[in-house]
Amino acid sequence: MPESFQMRLPDEWLNNNVLGTGQPVRDCHECPDAAQCGTLDFLDPGRCPIEACNTTCLVSDLYSDPDTNEQCYQSFCGPPDSEIFSIDPHRIDMEGILYLDCIGRPVELWEIDLFCRADDCSRPTVFNEMT
């Protein structure tokens, strides 16, 4: 990867949407069993209700079909830390392709995973704010 390539999000956005205010409980969409897929307003509140979370909210967005902008969203409140299991509570993982010889958009993201402790960080629109 060339040293000149950098992906950055503004510190204020990261503080508000990942780090949070330090409150012990936050809202987190709870849909651990299956991803919700679609192109626009596809989240079914009955299958993915907002619940209180006192650990890390794990949120995933998979771009299943970039041509139609279809996304698959999943979110759940992570288990508490233990001796066996621990989550880095403030992290964004992005997977994609970096095209080195490309004009226009040289990065094509296909999956973003967000580990957050900010209130309402599991809203599906958070991924649109990153791209």
Protein backbone atom coordinates (compact mmCIF):
# COMPACT_ATOMS: atom_id res chain seq x y z
CA MET A 1 0.00 0.00 0.00
CA PRO A 2 1.47 3.38 -0.93
CA GLU A 3 2.33 5.62 2.01
CA SER A 4 0.39 8.44 0.35
CA PHE A 5 -2.88 6.52 0.74
CA GLN A 6 -4.86 7.43 3.86
CA MET A 7 -8.46 6.95 4.91
CA ARG A 8 -9.58 9.28 7.65
CA LEU A 9 -12.78 10.21 9.39
CA PRO A 10 -13.05 13.52 11.25
CA ASP A 11 -12.21 13.34 14.97
CA GLU A 12 -15.52 14.99 15.90
CA TRP A 13 -17.48 12.37 13.92
CA LEU A 14 -15.50 9.53 15.55
CA ASN A 15 -16.03 10.96 19.03
CA ASN A 16 -19.78 11.39 18.47
CA ASN A 17 -20.44 8.11 16.63
CA VAL A 18 -17.92 5.62 17.99
CA LEU A 19 -16.48 6.78 21.31
CA GLY A 20 -19.61 8.34 22.80
CA THR A 21 -20.03 10.28 26.01
CA GLY A 22 -19.09 7.53 28.46
CA GLN A 23 -22.67 6.82 29.50
CA PRO A 24 -23.07 3.23 30.77
CA VAL A 25 -26.05 2.42 28.50
CA ARG A 26 -26.72 3.20 24.84
CA ASP A 27 -29.38 2.35 22.26
CA CYS A 28 -28.46 -0.53 19.96
CA HIS A 29 -30.51 -2.24 17.25
CA GLU A 30 -30.80 -5.90 18.23
CA CYS A 31 -30.88 -8.22 15.21
CA PRO A 32 -28.23 -10.90 15.82
CA ASP A 33 -29.99 -13.77 14.03
CA ALA A 34 -30.06 -12.51 10.45
CA ALA A 35 -28.97 -9.54 8.37
CA GLN A 36 -31.54 -7.12 6.96
CA CYS A 37 -30.93 -6.49 3.24
CA GLY A 38 -32.21 -3.88 0.81
CA THR A 39 -31.45 -0.62 -0.95
CA LEU A 40 -33.36 2.07 0.95
CA ASP A 41 -35.30 2.08 4.24
CA PHE A 42 -35.10 -1.70 4.47
CA LEU A 43 -34.68 -2.05 8.23
CA ASP A 44 -37.67 -3.83 9.78
CA PRO A 45 -38.10 -2.46 13.34
CA GLY A 46 -40.01 -5.60 14.29
CA ARG A 47 -37.03 -7.82 13.43
CA CYS A 48 -34.38 -5.35 14.58
CA PRO A 49 -35.76 -3.45 17.61
CA ILE A 50 -33.78 -0.84 19.52
CA GLU A 51 -32.75 -2.10 22.95
CA ALA A 52 -30.61 -0.80 25.79
CA CYS A 53 -27.00 -2.00 25.64
CA ASN A 54 -24.46 -1.68 28.46
CA THR A 55 -21.54 -3.16 26.49
CA THR A 56 -20.26 -2.59 22.94
CA CYS A 57 -22.70 -2.38 20.05
CA LEU A 58 -21.44 -4.40 17.07
CA VAL A 59 -22.79 -3.15 13.76
CA SER A 60 -22.03 -4.56 10.31
CA ASP A 61 -22.87 -3.40 6.82
CA LEU A 62 -22.10 -5.59 3.82
CA TYR A 63 -22.47 -4.16 0.33
CA SER A 64 -23.86 -7.27 -1.35
CA ASP A 65 -24.52 -5.68 -4.75
CA PRO A 66 -22.68 -2.42 -5.50
CA ASP A 67 -24.49 -2.00 -8.85
CA THR A 68 -27.89 -1.71 -7.15
CA ASN A 69 -26.50 -0.31 -3.85
CA GLU A 70 -27.99 -3.27 -1.95
CA GLN A 71 -26.69 -3.46 1.59
CA CYS A 72 -27.06 -6.08 4.32
CA TYR A 73 -27.17 -4.62 7.82
CA GLN A 74 -26.80 -6.46 11.13
CA SER A 75 -26.43 -5.19 14.68
CA PHE A 76 -26.39 -6.55 18.22
CA CYS A 77 -25.19 -5.77 21.71
CA GLY A 78 -21.94 -7.62 22.39
CA PRO A 79 -21.45 -9.93 25.35
CA PRO A 80 -19.74 -8.57 28.45
CA ASP A 81 -15.96 -8.85 28.66
CA SER A 82 -14.61 -11.92 30.43
CA GLU A 83 -11.27 -13.68 30.87
CA ILE A 84 -11.93 -15.59 27.63
CA PHE A 85 -13.59 -12.90 25.52
CA SER A 86 -12.86 -9.18 25.14
CA ILE A 87 -13.94 -6.65 22.48
CA ASP A 88 -12.04 -3.53 21.55
CA PRO A 89 -15.03 -1.23 22.20
CA HIS A 90 -14.04 1.57 19.81
CA ARG A 91 -13.11 0.37 16.35
CA ILE A 92 -14.03 0.59 12.68
CA ASP A 93 -12.96 -2.24 10.34
CA MET A 94 -13.27 -1.59 6.62
CA GLU A 95 -12.72 -4.17 3.89
CA GLY A 96 -12.52 -3.35 0.23
CA ILE A 97 -10.37 -3.00 -2.84
CA LEU A 98 -7.88 -0.24 -3.53
CA TYR A 99 -7.36 0.30 -7.26
CA LEU A 100 -3.92 1.80 -7.79
CA ASP A 101 -4.35 2.55 -11.51
CA CYS A 102 -7.83 4.05 -11.51
CA ILE A 103 -9.39 7.38 -12.36
CA GLY A 104 -12.34 8.40 -10.21
CA ARG A 105 -13.14 6.32 -7.14
CA PRO A 106 -10.03 4.23 -6.36
CA VAL A 107 -11.55 2.52 -3.28
CA GLU A 108 -14.49 0.12 -3.38
CA LEU A 109 -15.67 -0.85 0.12
CA TRP A 110 -17.67 -4.02 0.54
CA GLU A 111 -17.86 -4.42 4.30
CA ILE A 112 -17.72 -2.08 7.28
CA ASP A 113 -17.82 -3.31 10.88
CA LEU A 114 -18.34 -0.76 13.63
CA PHE A 115 -17.68 -1.44 17.32
CA CYS A 116 -19.11 1.48 19.24
CA ARG A 117 -20.29 2.81 22.58
CA ALA A 118 -21.97 5.98 21.36
CA ASP A 119 -25.72 6.50 21.63
CA ASP A 120 -27.57 5.59 18.42
CA CYS A 121 -24.36 4.39 16.74
CA SER A 122 -26.23 1.39 15.32
CA ARG A 123 -28.46 3.50 13.06
CA PRO A 124 -28.18 2.16 9.48
CA THR A 125 -27.44 5.63 8.08
CA VAL A 126 -24.12 5.72 9.98
CA PHE A 127 -22.53 3.78 7.10
CA ASN A 128 -23.60 6.38 4.54
CA GLU A 129 -21.77 8.99 6.61
CA MET A 130 -18.51 7.02 6.27
CA THR A 131 -18.49 6.54 2.51
